[in-house]
Amino acid sequence: MTQLPKRKLSRRFIAGASCPECKNIDTTYIDPRQETEFRVCIRCGFEEPREPVVDAKPLRFQ
């Protein structure tokens, strides 16, 4: 049986988000590393651990 190649975790860019350091829009992405995800800016190199969303409620449209 042939084994499939392992999928590499890729960057997920955050549409419309601004970097807290350089204030540029659409330059931040989520970098999945080990157990913690990091928010990283491609423009200035800013990075911080991303806080997990706890008890998120779904949006209800009327």
C-alpha atoms as a PDB file:
ATOM      1  CA  MET A   1       0.000   0.000   0.000  1.00  0.00           C
ATOM      2  CA  THR A   2       1.277   3.476  -0.898  1.00  0.00           C
ATOM      3  CA  GLN A   3       1.567   6.044   1.874  1.00  0.00           C
ATOM      4  CA  LEU A   4       0.350   9.559   1.235  1.00  0.00           C
ATOM      5  CA  PRO A   5       2.795  12.405   1.935  1.00  0.00           C
ATOM      6  CA  LYS A   6       2.293  14.179   5.241  1.00  0.00           C
ATOM      7  CA  ARG A   7       0.510  17.510   4.913  1.00  0.00           C
ATOM      8  CA  LYS A   8       2.552  20.442   5.965  1.00  0.00           C
ATOM      9  CA  LEU A   9       0.786  22.978   8.148  1.00  0.00           C
ATOM     10  CA  SER A  10       0.680  26.197   6.209  1.00  0.00           C
ATOM     11  CA  ARG A  11       0.345  29.864   7.062  1.00  0.00           C
ATOM     12  CA  ARG A  12      -3.177  31.198   7.365  1.00  0.00           C
ATOM     13  CA  PHE A  13      -3.357  34.891   6.598  1.00  0.00           C
ATOM     14  CA  ILE A  14      -5.877  36.952   8.573  1.00  0.00           C
ATOM     15  CA  ALA A  15      -7.908  39.088   6.163  1.00  0.00           C
ATOM     16  CA  GLY A  16      -8.345  42.680   7.275  1.00  0.00           C
ATOM     17  CA  ALA A  17      -6.224  42.338  10.419  1.00  0.00           C
ATOM     18  CA  SER A  18      -3.663  44.996  11.286  1.00  0.00           C
ATOM     19  CA  CYS A  19      -0.329  44.417  12.987  1.00  0.00           C
ATOM     20  CA  PRO A  20      -0.257  45.889  16.513  1.00  0.00           C
ATOM     21  CA  GLU A  21       3.380  46.948  16.019  1.00  0.00           C
ATOM     22  CA  CYS A  22       3.615  48.526  12.528  1.00  0.00           C
ATOM     23  CA  LYS A  23      -0.160  49.016  11.933  1.00  0.00           C
ATOM     24  CA  ASN A  24      -0.017  47.598   8.372  1.00  0.00           C
ATOM     25  CA  ILE A  25      -3.181  45.865   7.210  1.00  0.00           C
ATOM     26  CA  ASP A  26      -3.251  42.358   5.684  1.00  0.00           C
ATOM     27  CA  THR A  27       0.313  41.485   6.723  1.00  0.00           C
ATOM     28  CA  THR A  28      -0.388  39.102   9.618  1.00  0.00           C
ATOM     29  CA  TYR A  29      -0.798  35.356   9.516  1.00  0.00           C
ATOM     30  CA  ILE A  30      -1.208  32.469  11.939  1.00  0.00           C
ATOM     31  CA  ASP A  31       1.855  30.228  12.174  1.00  0.00           C
ATOM     32  CA  PRO A  32       1.044  26.807  13.663  1.00  0.00           C
ATOM     33  CA  ARG A  33       4.052  25.721  15.731  1.00  0.00           C
ATOM     34  CA  GLN A  34       3.916  22.672  17.933  1.00  0.00           C
ATOM     35  CA  GLU A  35       1.077  23.179  20.433  1.00  0.00           C
ATOM     36  CA  THR A  36       0.804  26.989  20.254  1.00  0.00           C
ATOM     37  CA  GLU A  37      -0.191  29.138  17.302  1.00  0.00           C
ATOM     38  CA  PHE A  38       1.633  32.428  16.765  1.00  0.00           C
ATOM     39  CA  ARG A  39       0.409  35.596  15.078  1.00  0.00           C
ATOM     40  CA  VAL A  40       3.237  36.892  12.871  1.00  0.00           C
ATOM     41  CA  CYS A  41       3.633  40.026  10.731  1.00  0.00           C
ATOM     42  CA  ILE A  42       5.499  39.595   7.431  1.00  0.00           C
ATOM     43  CA  ARG A  43       6.312  43.322   7.270  1.00  0.00           C
ATOM     44  CA  CYS A  44       8.003  44.034  10.629  1.00  0.00           C
ATOM     45  CA  GLY A  45       8.556  40.548  12.100  1.00  0.00           C
ATOM     46  CA  PHE A  46       6.259  41.079  15.105  1.00  0.00           C
ATOM     47  CA  GLU A  47       5.045  37.846  16.651  1.00  0.00           C
ATOM     48  CA  GLU A  48       3.000  36.845  19.662  1.00  0.00           C
ATOM     49  CA  PRO A  49       1.298  33.670  20.837  1.00  0.00           C
ATOM     50  CA  ARG A  50      -2.313  33.507  19.765  1.00  0.00           C
ATOM     51  CA  GLU A  51      -4.797  33.068  22.555  1.00  0.00           C
ATOM     52  CA  PRO A  52      -7.170  30.151  21.986  1.00  0.00           C
ATOM     53  CA  VAL A  53     -10.836  30.979  21.542  1.00  0.00           C
ATOM     54  CA  VAL A  54     -12.737  29.617  24.513  1.00  0.00           C
ATOM     55  CA  ASP A  55     -16.509  29.344  24.670  1.00  0.00           C
ATOM     56  CA  ALA A  56     -17.091  30.916  21.266  1.00  0.00           C
ATOM     57  CA  LYS A  57     -20.764  31.350  20.443  1.00  0.00           C
ATOM     58  CA  PRO A  58     -21.959  30.996  16.847  1.00  0.00           C
ATOM     59  CA  LEU A  59     -23.294  34.081  15.120  1.00  0.00           C
ATOM     60  CA  ARG A  60     -27.006  34.206  14.511  1.00  0.00           C
ATOM     61  CA  PHE A  61     -28.255  36.114  11.511  1.00  0.00           C
ATOM     62  CA  GLN A  62     -31.844  37.265  11.327  1.00  0.00           C
END
